[in-house]
Amino acid sequence: DILRTAFVPTAAAGVCMVVRPAAAAAHSCVVETAAMDLAAFLARDRARGFSVGDAHWLRLTLVQDGDKQYVCVAISHVCYDGWSLPMITHDLAAALRGEVLAPRPPFRSVVDYICAQDAAATEAYWREYLAGVEPAQPLSLGHAARGDNEDAPLGMACSVAMADLQRAAQRAGVTVAVLAKTAWALTLRKLTRSSDVVFGQAISGREYPIPNIDS
């Protein structure tokens, strides 16, 4: 189902996720192109990207570059993440070899699990957990000590090698993602001058108690 997922605008509910019928999506997202330099194709396809209203959020293009043929897959991070990539490439390679693909659990099982939860109890839990926390406005605090030109943008940048982050995370016994979130929390603490730091994060949902959720 996730391979046939797209996003469409609606007047009533804004942007909605839809799953295209299998019969309509089976071949229309596969394109063949010849006599094109691979690098030029990749640059053009990256610039094309994806837009709300596109019939497909997955493109599979067979590119003939001289005497070599390449299979180029364009997907969106809205639907897929790094965990998904090895599974997609594994299934694609198996399909090219003519092998029968192992079934994967449908994403609707995740949606069903979420919809089955007690929304009122969840809201009550977070209201109690966050009781007394005052929302801060960290983006406006930089103007307090700007000096002569308070409207001047405040920007700071630094560069850290991924290998250094991985070593630091290993020493702390955490993942790089946790290290990054800790750095963000410390940044917000400094900007807001508060020890109560609240921010949201997206999670993969792979810890849900659903059979074969990791696949």
N, C-alpha and C. Protein backbone atom coordinates (compact mmCIF):
# COMPACT_ATOMS: atom_id res chain seq x y z
N ASP A 1 0.82 -1.21 0.00
CA ASP A 1 0.00 0.00 0.00
C ASP A 1 0.85 1.26 0.00
N ILE A 2 1.97 1.23 0.72
CA ILE A 2 2.78 2.44 0.84
C ILE A 2 3.38 2.83 -0.49
N LEU A 3 3.61 1.87 -1.39
CA LEU A 3 4.15 2.20 -2.70
C LEU A 3 3.12 2.92 -3.56
N ARG A 4 1.84 2.77 -3.22
CA ARG A 4 0.77 3.41 -3.99
C ARG A 4 0.17 4.60 -3.25
N THR A 5 0.88 5.08 -2.24
CA THR A 5 0.39 6.20 -1.44
C THR A 5 0.72 7.53 -2.11
N ALA A 6 -0.26 8.44 -2.09
CA ALA A 6 -0.08 9.79 -2.62
C ALA A 6 -0.81 10.76 -1.71
N PHE A 7 -0.67 12.05 -1.99
CA PHE A 7 -1.27 13.09 -1.16
C PHE A 7 -2.03 14.05 -2.06
N VAL A 8 -3.27 14.31 -1.69
CA VAL A 8 -4.13 15.15 -2.53
C VAL A 8 -4.74 16.26 -1.68
N PRO A 9 -4.96 17.43 -2.27
CA PRO A 9 -5.60 18.53 -1.53
C PRO A 9 -7.11 18.36 -1.53
N THR A 10 -7.74 18.66 -0.40
CA THR A 10 -9.19 18.62 -0.30
C THR A 10 -9.66 19.92 0.33
N ALA A 11 -10.87 20.33 -0.03
CA ALA A 11 -11.41 21.58 0.49
C ALA A 11 -11.76 21.48 1.97
N ALA A 12 -12.21 20.31 2.40
CA ALA A 12 -12.71 20.17 3.76
C ALA A 12 -11.61 19.84 4.77
N ALA A 13 -10.68 18.98 4.38
CA ALA A 13 -9.72 18.46 5.37
C ALA A 13 -8.28 18.80 5.04
N GLY A 14 -8.02 19.68 4.09
CA GLY A 14 -6.65 20.00 3.75
C GLY A 14 -6.02 18.87 2.93
N VAL A 15 -4.75 18.61 3.16
CA VAL A 15 -4.05 17.56 2.43
C VAL A 15 -4.35 16.21 3.07
N CYS A 16 -4.76 15.26 2.25
CA CYS A 16 -5.10 13.91 2.74
C CYS A 16 -4.24 12.87 2.05
N MET A 17 -3.93 11.82 2.78
CA MET A 17 -3.20 10.69 2.22
C MET A 17 -4.19 9.74 1.58
N VAL A 18 -3.90 9.28 0.37
CA VAL A 18 -4.74 8.32 -0.32
C VAL A 18 -3.88 7.17 -0.81
N VAL A 19 -4.50 6.01 -0.97
CA VAL A 19 -3.82 4.85 -1.53
C VAL A 19 -4.47 4.54 -2.87
N ARG A 20 -3.69 4.66 -3.93
CA ARG A 20 -4.22 4.43 -5.26
C ARG A 20 -4.58 2.95 -5.44
N PRO A 21 -5.65 2.67 -6.22
CA PRO A 21 -5.98 1.27 -6.52
C PRO A 21 -4.83 0.57 -7.22
N ALA A 22 -4.63 -0.70 -6.90
CA ALA A 22 -3.50 -1.44 -7.46
C ALA A 22 -3.55 -1.49 -8.98
N ALA A 23 -4.74 -1.67 -9.54
CA ALA A 23 -4.85 -1.79 -10.99
C ALA A 23 -4.44 -0.50 -11.69
N ALA A 24 -4.75 0.64 -11.09
CA ALA A 24 -4.44 1.92 -11.72
C ALA A 24 -2.97 2.29 -11.55
N ALA A 25 -2.32 1.79 -10.51
CA ALA A 25 -0.95 2.20 -10.21
C ALA A 25 0.10 1.21 -10.67
N ALA A 26 -0.31 0.07 -11.17
CA ALA A 26 0.64 -1.02 -11.43
C ALA A 26 1.75 -0.61 -12.39
N HIS A 27 1.43 0.09 -13.46
CA HIS A 27 2.45 0.39 -14.46
C HIS A 27 2.66 1.88 -14.68
N SER A 28 1.75 2.73 -14.21
CA SER A 28 1.83 4.14 -14.58
C SER A 28 2.96 4.88 -13.90
N CYS A 29 3.61 4.30 -12.87
CA CYS A 29 4.72 5.00 -12.22
C CYS A 29 6.06 4.53 -12.76
N VAL A 30 6.05 3.62 -13.77
CA VAL A 30 7.27 3.12 -14.38
C VAL A 30 7.47 3.81 -15.72
N VAL A 31 8.65 4.39 -15.91
CA VAL A 31 8.95 5.15 -17.13
C VAL A 31 10.28 4.66 -17.69
N GLU A 32 10.39 4.64 -19.00
CA GLU A 32 11.65 4.31 -19.66
C GLU A 32 12.16 5.52 -20.39
N THR A 33 13.46 5.78 -20.32
CA THR A 33 14.07 6.87 -21.05
C THR A 33 15.42 6.41 -21.58
N ALA A 34 15.75 6.82 -22.79
CA ALA A 34 16.99 6.37 -23.43
C ALA A 34 17.80 7.57 -23.88
N ALA A 35 19.06 7.29 -24.26
CA ALA A 35 19.96 8.30 -24.81
C ALA A 35 20.10 9.51 -23.88
N MET A 36 20.20 9.24 -22.58
CA MET A 36 20.36 10.34 -21.62
C MET A 36 21.50 9.99 -20.67
N ASP A 37 22.35 10.97 -20.42
CA ASP A 37 23.42 10.79 -19.47
C ASP A 37 22.84 10.58 -18.08
N LEU A 38 23.34 9.59 -17.36
CA LEU A 38 22.76 9.24 -16.06
C LEU A 38 22.83 10.42 -15.09
N ALA A 39 23.96 11.09 -15.02
CA ALA A 39 24.11 12.22 -14.10
C ALA A 39 23.11 13.32 -14.43
N ALA A 40 22.90 13.58 -15.73
CA ALA A 40 21.95 14.61 -16.13
C ALA A 40 20.53 14.22 -15.73
N PHE A 41 20.20 12.93 -15.90
CA PHE A 41 18.87 12.48 -15.51
C PHE A 41 18.66 12.64 -14.01
N LEU A 42 19.64 12.23 -13.21
CA LEU A 42 19.50 12.30 -11.76
C LEU A 42 19.32 13.74 -11.31
N ALA A 43 20.06 14.67 -11.91
CA ALA A 43 19.92 16.08 -11.55
C ALA A 43 18.53 16.59 -11.90
N ARG A 44 18.02 16.21 -13.06
CA ARG A 44 16.70 16.67 -13.48
C ARG A 44 15.61 16.05 -12.60
N ASP A 45 15.77 14.77 -12.26
CA ASP A 45 14.75 14.10 -11.45
C ASP A 45 14.73 14.65 -10.04
N ARG A 46 15.90 14.98 -9.50
CA ARG A 46 15.97 15.57 -8.16
C ARG A 46 15.30 16.94 -8.15
N ALA A 47 15.54 17.73 -9.22
CA ALA A 47 14.92 19.05 -9.29
C ALA A 47 13.40 18.95 -9.43
N ARG A 48 12.94 17.88 -10.04
CA ARG A 48 11.49 17.69 -10.21
C ARG A 48 10.80 17.48 -8.87
N GLY A 49 11.39 16.65 -8.02
CA GLY A 49 10.83 16.42 -6.69
C GLY A 49 9.43 15.85 -6.73
N PHE A 50 8.66 16.16 -5.69
CA PHE A 50 7.27 15.71 -5.59
C PHE A 50 6.41 16.89 -5.15
N SER A 51 5.16 16.87 -5.56
CA SER A 51 4.22 17.93 -5.21
C SER A 51 2.88 17.33 -4.82
N VAL A 52 2.18 18.01 -3.90
CA VAL A 52 0.84 17.57 -3.54
C VAL A 52 -0.03 17.56 -4.79
N GLY A 53 -0.72 16.47 -5.01
CA GLY A 53 -1.52 16.31 -6.21
C GLY A 53 -0.89 15.39 -7.23
N ASP A 54 0.42 15.07 -7.07
CA ASP A 54 1.04 14.10 -7.97
C ASP A 54 0.33 12.76 -7.85
N ALA A 55 0.17 12.09 -8.97
CA ALA A 55 -0.51 10.79 -8.95
C ALA A 55 0.29 9.75 -8.16
N HIS A 56 1.61 9.88 -8.16
CA HIS A 56 2.46 8.91 -7.47
C HIS A 56 3.56 9.64 -6.71
N TRP A 57 3.93 9.10 -5.58
CA TRP A 57 5.06 9.61 -4.81
C TRP A 57 6.20 8.60 -4.85
N LEU A 58 6.25 7.84 -5.90
CA LEU A 58 7.32 6.91 -6.19
C LEU A 58 7.47 6.87 -7.70
N ARG A 59 8.70 7.03 -8.18
CA ARG A 59 8.97 6.93 -9.61
C ARG A 59 10.07 5.92 -9.83
N LEU A 60 9.85 5.02 -10.77
CA LEU A 60 10.86 4.03 -11.15
C LEU A 60 11.16 4.25 -12.63
N THR A 61 12.39 4.64 -12.93
CA THR A 61 12.76 4.97 -14.31
C THR A 61 13.89 4.06 -14.77
N LEU A 62 13.72 3.48 -15.95
CA LEU A 62 14.77 2.68 -16.58
C LEU A 62 15.55 3.62 -17.50
N VAL A 63 16.80 3.89 -17.15
CA VAL A 63 17.62 4.84 -17.89
C VAL A 63 18.66 4.09 -18.70
N GLN A 64 18.63 4.27 -20.02
CA GLN A 64 19.62 3.66 -20.90
C GLN A 64 20.71 4.68 -21.18
N ASP A 65 21.88 4.47 -20.61
CA ASP A 65 23.02 5.37 -20.79
C ASP A 65 24.10 4.61 -21.55
N GLY A 66 24.13 4.83 -22.86
CA GLY A 66 25.07 4.08 -23.69
C GLY A 66 24.70 2.61 -23.71
N ASP A 67 25.65 1.75 -23.36
CA ASP A 67 25.38 0.32 -23.35
C ASP A 67 24.98 -0.18 -21.98
N LYS A 68 24.74 0.73 -21.04
CA LYS A 68 24.37 0.34 -19.68
C LYS A 68 22.95 0.80 -19.38
N GLN A 69 22.24 -0.02 -18.63
CA GLN A 69 20.89 0.34 -18.20
C GLN A 69 20.85 0.43 -16.68
N TYR A 70 20.21 1.50 -16.20
CA TYR A 70 20.11 1.73 -14.76
C TYR A 70 18.65 1.77 -14.35
N VAL A 71 18.39 1.30 -13.14
CA VAL A 71 17.06 1.40 -12.54
C VAL A 71 17.14 2.50 -11.48
N CYS A 72 16.45 3.60 -11.73
CA CYS A 72 16.49 4.75 -10.82
C CYS A 72 15.16 4.86 -10.09
N VAL A 73 15.20 4.87 -8.78
CA VAL A 73 14.00 4.96 -7.96
C VAL A 73 14.00 6.29 -7.22
N ALA A 74 12.92 7.05 -7.39
CA ALA A 74 12.75 8.31 -6.68
C ALA A 74 11.61 8.14 -5.69
N ILE A 75 11.88 8.40 -4.42
CA ILE A 75 10.87 8.27 -3.38
C ILE A 75 10.92 9.51 -2.50
N SER A 76 9.89 9.69 -1.69
CA SER A 76 9.81 10.86 -0.82
C SER A 76 9.97 10.44 0.64
N HIS A 77 10.68 11.28 1.39
CA HIS A 77 10.88 11.02 2.81
C HIS A 77 9.56 11.11 3.59
N VAL A 78 8.52 11.67 2.96
CA VAL A 78 7.20 11.70 3.60
C VAL A 78 6.71 10.28 3.84
N CYS A 79 7.04 9.37 2.92
CA CYS A 79 6.54 7.98 3.00
C CYS A 79 7.60 6.99 3.49
N TYR A 80 8.86 7.31 3.31
CA TYR A 80 9.90 6.32 3.56
C TYR A 80 11.01 6.94 4.41
N ASP A 81 11.77 6.07 5.08
CA ASP A 81 12.92 6.55 5.85
C ASP A 81 14.10 5.62 5.60
N GLY A 82 15.19 5.86 6.32
CA GLY A 82 16.38 5.06 6.11
C GLY A 82 16.17 3.58 6.38
N TRP A 83 15.29 3.26 7.32
CA TRP A 83 15.00 1.85 7.63
C TRP A 83 14.35 1.18 6.42
N SER A 84 13.58 1.93 5.64
CA SER A 84 12.83 1.37 4.52
C SER A 84 13.71 1.06 3.31
N LEU A 85 14.79 1.82 3.13
CA LEU A 85 15.58 1.72 1.91
C LEU A 85 16.13 0.31 1.65
N PRO A 86 16.74 -0.36 2.63
CA PRO A 86 17.23 -1.72 2.34
C PRO A 86 16.11 -2.67 1.94
N MET A 87 14.92 -2.52 2.53
CA MET A 87 13.81 -3.39 2.17
C MET A 87 13.35 -3.13 0.74
N ILE A 88 13.30 -1.84 0.35
CA ILE A 88 12.87 -1.49 -1.00
C ILE A 88 13.86 -2.04 -2.03
N THR A 89 15.17 -1.82 -1.79
CA THR A 89 16.16 -2.29 -2.75
C THR A 89 16.21 -3.82 -2.79
N HIS A 90 16.00 -4.47 -1.64
CA HIS A 90 15.98 -5.93 -1.61
C HIS A 90 14.82 -6.47 -2.45
N ASP A 91 13.63 -5.89 -2.26
CA ASP A 91 12.46 -6.36 -3.00
C ASP A 91 12.59 -6.06 -4.49
N LEU A 92 13.17 -4.90 -4.81
CA LEU A 92 13.34 -4.55 -6.22
C LEU A 92 14.29 -5.52 -6.90
N ALA A 93 15.40 -5.82 -6.24
CA ALA A 93 16.35 -6.77 -6.82
C ALA A 93 15.73 -8.15 -6.97
N ALA A 94 14.94 -8.57 -5.98
CA ALA A 94 14.27 -9.87 -6.06
C ALA A 94 13.28 -9.90 -7.22
N ALA A 95 12.55 -8.80 -7.41
CA ALA A 95 11.58 -8.73 -8.51
C ALA A 95 12.29 -8.79 -9.86
N LEU A 96 13.44 -8.12 -9.96
CA LEU A 96 14.19 -8.15 -11.22
C LEU A 96 14.71 -9.55 -11.52
N ARG A 97 14.95 -10.34 -10.47
CA ARG A 97 15.39 -11.72 -10.67
C ARG A 97 14.23 -12.68 -10.89
N GLY A 98 13.01 -12.17 -10.84
CA GLY A 98 11.85 -13.01 -11.05
C GLY A 98 11.45 -13.82 -9.83
N GLU A 99 11.93 -13.45 -8.65
CA GLU A 99 11.61 -14.19 -7.44
C GLU A 99 10.28 -13.73 -6.86
N VAL A 100 9.65 -14.61 -6.09
CA VAL A 100 8.41 -14.27 -5.41
C VAL A 100 8.75 -13.43 -4.18
N LEU A 101 8.11 -12.29 -4.07
CA LEU A 101 8.41 -11.39 -2.96
C LEU A 101 7.71 -11.86 -1.68
N ALA A 102 8.43 -11.76 -0.58
CA ALA A 102 7.83 -12.09 0.72
C ALA A 102 6.81 -11.02 1.07
N PRO A 103 5.65 -11.41 1.59
CA PRO A 103 4.63 -10.42 1.95
C PRO A 103 5.09 -9.53 3.10
N ARG A 104 4.71 -8.27 3.02
CA ARG A 104 5.02 -7.33 4.10
C ARG A 104 3.70 -6.86 4.71
N PRO A 105 3.69 -6.60 6.01
CA PRO A 105 2.43 -6.18 6.66
C PRO A 105 1.97 -4.85 6.09
N PRO A 106 0.66 -4.68 5.88
CA PRO A 106 0.16 -3.42 5.33
C PRO A 106 0.24 -2.30 6.35
N PHE A 107 0.43 -1.08 5.87
CA PHE A 107 0.53 0.07 6.76
C PHE A 107 -0.79 0.34 7.48
N ARG A 108 -1.88 -0.16 6.92
CA ARG A 108 -3.19 0.06 7.57
C ARG A 108 -3.22 -0.55 8.97
N SER A 109 -2.37 -1.56 9.21
CA SER A 109 -2.34 -2.14 10.56
C SER A 109 -1.82 -1.12 11.57
N VAL A 110 -0.91 -0.24 11.13
CA VAL A 110 -0.42 0.82 12.01
C VAL A 110 -1.53 1.84 12.25
N VAL A 111 -2.22 2.23 11.18
CA VAL A 111 -3.32 3.19 11.30
C VAL A 111 -4.40 2.64 12.22
N ASP A 112 -4.75 1.37 12.04
CA ASP A 112 -5.78 0.74 12.88
C ASP A 112 -5.36 0.75 14.35
N TYR A 113 -4.07 0.47 14.61
CA TYR A 113 -3.59 0.45 15.99
C TYR A 113 -3.71 1.83 16.62
N ILE A 114 -3.32 2.88 15.88
CA ILE A 114 -3.37 4.23 16.41
C ILE A 114 -4.82 4.65 16.67
N CYS A 115 -5.71 4.32 15.72
CA CYS A 115 -7.12 4.70 15.87
C CYS A 115 -7.78 3.97 17.03
N ALA A 116 -7.25 2.82 17.41
CA ALA A 116 -7.85 2.03 18.48
C ALA A 116 -7.45 2.53 19.87
N GLN A 117 -6.48 3.46 19.94
CA GLN A 117 -6.04 3.94 21.24
C GLN A 117 -7.07 4.90 21.85
N ASP A 118 -7.01 5.03 23.16
CA ASP A 118 -7.93 5.91 23.90
C ASP A 118 -7.41 7.34 23.82
N ALA A 119 -7.98 8.14 22.91
CA ALA A 119 -7.51 9.50 22.70
C ALA A 119 -7.69 10.37 23.95
N ALA A 120 -8.79 10.17 24.65
CA ALA A 120 -9.04 10.97 25.86
C ALA A 120 -8.01 10.67 26.93
N ALA A 121 -7.67 9.40 27.11
CA ALA A 121 -6.67 9.03 28.11
C ALA A 121 -5.29 9.56 27.73
N THR A 122 -4.99 9.54 26.43
CA THR A 122 -3.71 10.07 25.97
C THR A 122 -3.61 11.56 26.25
N GLU A 123 -4.67 12.31 25.95
CA GLU A 123 -4.67 13.75 26.20
C GLU A 123 -4.55 14.04 27.69
N ALA A 124 -5.26 13.26 28.51
CA ALA A 124 -5.20 13.47 29.96
C ALA A 124 -3.78 13.23 30.48
N TYR A 125 -3.13 12.21 29.94
CA TYR A 125 -1.76 11.90 30.38
C TYR A 125 -0.84 13.08 30.10
N TRP A 126 -0.88 13.61 28.86
CA TRP A 126 0.05 14.69 28.49
C TRP A 126 -0.30 16.00 29.20
N ARG A 127 -1.58 16.23 29.46
CA ARG A 127 -1.96 17.44 30.20
C ARG A 127 -1.39 17.39 31.62
N GLU A 128 -1.43 16.22 32.24
CA GLU A 128 -0.88 16.08 33.58
C GLU A 128 0.65 16.16 33.55
N TYR A 129 1.24 15.53 32.54
CA TYR A 129 2.71 15.51 32.45
C TYR A 129 3.27 16.91 32.23
N LEU A 130 2.56 17.72 31.44
CA LEU A 130 3.04 19.06 31.09
C LEU A 130 2.41 20.15 31.95
N ALA A 131 1.74 19.78 33.01
CA ALA A 131 1.09 20.78 33.87
C ALA A 131 2.12 21.75 34.43
N GLY A 132 1.82 23.04 34.31
CA GLY A 132 2.70 24.06 34.84
C GLY A 132 3.78 24.54 33.90
N VAL A 133 3.93 23.90 32.75
CA VAL A 133 4.94 24.32 31.78
C VAL A 133 4.41 25.51 30.99
N GLU A 134 5.17 26.58 30.98
CA GLU A 134 4.78 27.77 30.24
C GLU A 134 5.44 27.76 28.87
N PRO A 135 4.66 27.93 27.81
CA PRO A 135 5.26 27.95 26.47
C PRO A 135 6.17 29.15 26.30
N ALA A 136 7.34 28.93 25.71
CA ALA A 136 8.31 30.00 25.51
C ALA A 136 8.31 30.43 24.05
N GLN A 137 8.92 31.55 23.79
CA GLN A 137 9.08 32.07 22.43
C GLN A 137 10.57 32.22 22.15
N PRO A 138 11.28 31.12 21.90
CA PRO A 138 12.75 31.20 21.79
C PRO A 138 13.22 32.02 20.59
N LEU A 139 12.46 32.05 19.51
CA LEU A 139 12.92 32.74 18.32
C LEU A 139 12.92 34.25 18.48
N SER A 140 12.21 34.77 19.46
CA SER A 140 12.15 36.22 19.64
C SER A 140 13.17 36.73 20.65
N LEU A 141 13.82 35.84 21.39
CA LEU A 141 14.71 36.28 22.46
C LEU A 141 16.01 36.84 21.93
N GLY A 142 16.39 36.51 20.69
CA GLY A 142 17.65 36.99 20.15
C GLY A 142 17.67 38.48 19.94
N HIS A 143 16.51 39.15 19.94
CA HIS A 143 16.47 40.59 19.71
C HIS A 143 16.77 41.38 20.99
N ALA A 144 16.80 40.70 22.14
CA ALA A 144 16.94 41.44 23.40
C ALA A 144 18.30 42.11 23.54
N ALA A 145 19.35 41.48 22.98
CA ALA A 145 20.70 42.02 23.17
C ALA A 145 21.38 42.24 21.82
N ARG A 146 20.64 42.78 20.85
CA ARG A 146 21.18 42.94 19.52
C ARG A 146 22.01 44.21 19.37
N GLY A 147 21.91 45.13 20.31
CA GLY A 147 22.74 46.32 20.23
C GLY A 147 22.19 47.34 19.26
N ASP A 148 23.05 47.80 18.34
CA ASP A 148 22.68 48.90 17.46
C ASP A 148 21.56 48.54 16.49
N ASN A 149 21.62 47.36 15.92
CA ASN A 149 20.65 46.98 14.90
C ASN A 149 19.86 45.77 15.37
N GLU A 150 18.72 46.03 15.99
CA GLU A 150 17.93 44.93 16.55
C GLU A 150 17.25 44.10 15.47
N ASP A 151 17.14 44.64 14.25
CA ASP A 151 16.49 43.90 13.18
C ASP A 151 17.45 43.00 12.41
N ALA A 152 18.74 43.09 12.70
CA ALA A 152 19.72 42.28 11.98
C ALA A 152 19.52 40.81 12.34
N PRO A 153 19.56 39.94 11.36
CA PRO A 153 19.39 38.51 11.66
C PRO A 153 20.56 37.97 12.46
N LEU A 154 20.26 37.05 13.33
CA LEU A 154 21.30 36.42 14.15
C LEU A 154 21.53 35.03 13.60
N GLY A 155 22.75 34.77 13.11
CA GLY A 155 23.02 33.46 12.53
C GLY A 155 24.35 32.91 13.01
N MET A 156 24.38 31.63 13.32
CA MET A 156 25.60 30.97 13.72
C MET A 156 25.62 29.60 13.05
N ALA A 157 26.80 29.20 12.60
CA ALA A 157 26.91 27.90 11.94
C ALA A 157 28.22 27.25 12.34
N CYS A 158 28.18 25.93 12.43
CA CYS A 158 29.40 25.17 12.70
C CYS A 158 29.32 23.86 11.93
N SER A 159 30.45 23.26 11.71
CA SER A 159 30.51 22.02 10.95
C SER A 159 31.18 20.95 11.80
N VAL A 160 30.51 19.81 11.93
CA VAL A 160 31.04 18.69 12.71
C VAL A 160 30.95 17.44 11.85
N ALA A 161 32.02 16.71 11.75
CA ALA A 161 32.03 15.49 10.95
C ALA A 161 31.15 14.43 11.59
N MET A 162 30.46 13.67 10.75
CA MET A 162 29.60 12.60 11.27
C MET A 162 30.40 11.60 12.10
N ALA A 163 31.64 11.33 11.69
CA ALA A 163 32.46 10.38 12.44
C ALA A 163 32.69 10.87 13.87
N ASP A 164 32.87 12.19 14.04
CA ASP A 164 33.05 12.75 15.38
C ASP A 164 31.77 12.61 16.20
N LEU A 165 30.61 12.84 15.56
CA LEU A 165 29.34 12.68 16.26
C LEU A 165 29.14 11.22 16.68
N GLN A 166 29.49 10.30 15.80
CA GLN A 166 29.33 8.89 16.12
C GLN A 166 30.21 8.48 17.28
N ARG A 167 31.44 8.99 17.31
CA ARG A 167 32.33 8.67 18.43
C ARG A 167 31.82 9.27 19.73
N ALA A 168 31.30 10.50 19.67
CA ALA A 168 30.77 11.13 20.88
C ALA A 168 29.55 10.37 21.39
N ALA A 169 28.68 9.95 20.46
CA ALA A 169 27.50 9.20 20.86
C ALA A 169 27.89 7.85 21.47
N GLN A 170 28.91 7.24 20.89
CA GLN A 170 29.36 5.95 21.42
C GLN A 170 29.90 6.09 22.83
N ARG A 171 30.66 7.17 23.07
CA ARG A 171 31.19 7.39 24.42
C ARG A 171 30.05 7.61 25.42
N ALA A 172 28.98 8.27 24.97
CA ALA A 172 27.85 8.54 25.87
C ALA A 172 26.89 7.36 25.97
N GLY A 173 27.07 6.37 25.10
CA GLY A 173 26.19 5.21 25.14
C GLY A 173 24.81 5.48 24.58
N VAL A 174 24.71 6.40 23.61
CA VAL A 174 23.43 6.74 23.00
C VAL A 174 23.60 6.73 21.48
N THR A 175 22.49 6.92 20.76
CA THR A 175 22.55 7.02 19.32
C THR A 175 22.86 8.47 18.92
N VAL A 176 23.24 8.65 17.65
CA VAL A 176 23.50 10.00 17.15
C VAL A 176 22.23 10.84 17.21
N ALA A 177 21.08 10.21 16.95
CA ALA A 177 19.81 10.94 17.00
C ALA A 177 19.54 11.48 18.40
N VAL A 178 19.79 10.67 19.42
CA VAL A 178 19.59 11.12 20.80
C VAL A 178 20.58 12.25 21.12
N LEU A 179 21.81 12.13 20.64
CA LEU A 179 22.80 13.18 20.86
C LEU A 179 22.35 14.50 20.24
N ALA A 180 21.81 14.43 19.03
CA ALA A 180 21.34 15.63 18.35
C ALA A 180 20.17 16.26 19.10
N LYS A 181 19.25 15.44 19.58
CA LYS A 181 18.09 15.96 20.32
C LYS A 181 18.53 16.58 21.65
N THR A 182 19.54 15.99 22.28
CA THR A 182 20.07 16.57 23.52
C THR A 182 20.69 17.93 23.25
N ALA A 183 21.43 18.05 22.14
CA ALA A 183 22.02 19.33 21.78
C ALA A 183 20.94 20.37 21.53
N TRP A 184 19.84 19.93 20.86
CA TRP A 184 18.73 20.85 20.60
C TRP A 184 18.08 21.29 21.91
N ALA A 185 17.90 20.34 22.85
CA ALA A 185 17.30 20.68 24.13
C ALA A 185 18.17 21.68 24.90
N LEU A 186 19.49 21.47 24.87
CA LEU A 186 20.39 22.40 25.56
C LEU A 186 20.36 23.78 24.90
N THR A 187 20.23 23.80 23.57
CA THR A 187 20.13 25.08 22.86
C THR A 187 18.87 25.83 23.27
N LEU A 188 17.74 25.12 23.31
CA LEU A 188 16.49 25.75 23.73
C LEU A 188 16.57 26.21 25.18
N ARG A 189 17.23 25.43 26.02
CA ARG A 189 17.37 25.82 27.43
C ARG A 189 18.13 27.14 27.54
N LYS A 190 19.17 27.29 26.72
CA LYS A 190 19.97 28.52 26.77
C LYS A 190 19.17 29.70 26.22
N LEU A 191 18.46 29.48 25.11
CA LEU A 191 17.70 30.58 24.49
C LEU A 191 16.52 31.02 25.35
N THR A 192 15.85 30.05 25.97
CA THR A 192 14.66 30.38 26.76
C THR A 192 14.99 30.69 28.22
N ARG A 193 16.23 30.38 28.62
CA ARG A 193 16.64 30.58 30.01
C ARG A 193 15.69 29.85 30.96
N SER A 194 15.36 28.63 30.57
CA SER A 194 14.43 27.83 31.38
C SER A 194 14.87 26.38 31.36
N SER A 195 14.68 25.72 32.49
CA SER A 195 15.00 24.30 32.56
C SER A 195 13.85 23.43 32.08
N ASP A 196 12.67 24.03 31.86
CA ASP A 196 11.54 23.31 31.30
C ASP A 196 11.57 23.47 29.78
N VAL A 197 12.09 22.48 29.10
CA VAL A 197 12.23 22.52 27.64
C VAL A 197 11.29 21.49 27.03
N VAL A 198 10.40 21.96 26.18
CA VAL A 198 9.42 21.07 25.55
C VAL A 198 9.50 21.24 24.04
N PHE A 199 9.68 20.13 23.33
CA PHE A 199 9.61 20.15 21.87
C PHE A 199 9.12 18.80 21.39
N GLY A 200 8.57 18.79 20.20
CA GLY A 200 8.02 17.55 19.65
C GLY A 200 9.01 16.86 18.74
N GLN A 201 8.79 15.59 18.52
CA GLN A 201 9.64 14.86 17.60
C GLN A 201 8.80 13.79 16.90
N ALA A 202 9.17 13.50 15.67
CA ALA A 202 8.51 12.43 14.94
C ALA A 202 9.19 11.11 15.28
N ILE A 203 8.40 10.06 15.40
CA ILE A 203 8.95 8.73 15.69
C ILE A 203 8.53 7.77 14.59
N SER A 204 9.26 6.68 14.46
CA SER A 204 8.99 5.73 13.38
C SER A 204 7.77 4.87 13.67
N GLY A 205 7.45 4.67 14.95
CA GLY A 205 6.33 3.80 15.29
C GLY A 205 6.66 2.32 15.28
N ARG A 206 7.94 2.00 15.09
CA ARG A 206 8.29 0.57 14.98
C ARG A 206 8.34 -0.14 16.33
N GLU A 207 8.06 0.60 17.39
CA GLU A 207 7.98 -0.06 18.69
C GLU A 207 6.54 -0.46 19.02
N TYR A 208 5.59 -0.18 18.13
CA TYR A 208 4.21 -0.56 18.37
C TYR A 208 4.07 -2.07 18.42
N PRO A 209 3.18 -2.60 19.27
CA PRO A 209 3.01 -4.06 19.37
C PRO A 209 2.18 -4.61 18.21
N ILE A 210 2.75 -4.58 17.02
CA ILE A 210 2.10 -5.08 15.80
C ILE A 210 2.97 -6.16 15.20
N PRO A 211 2.40 -7.32 14.84
CA PRO A 211 3.21 -8.41 14.26
C PRO A 211 4.00 -7.94 13.04
N ASN A 212 5.28 -8.27 12.99
CA ASN A 212 6.17 -7.97 11.87
C ASN A 212 6.27 -6.47 11.60
N ILE A 213 6.15 -5.64 12.64
CA ILE A 213 6.18 -4.20 12.47
C ILE A 213 7.51 -3.73 11.89
N ASP A 214 8.59 -4.48 12.17
CA ASP A 214 9.91 -4.06 11.69
C ASP A 214 10.10 -4.30 10.20
N SER A 215 9.15 -4.98 9.55
CA SER A 215 9.27 -5.22 8.11
C SER A 215 8.19 -4.52 7.31
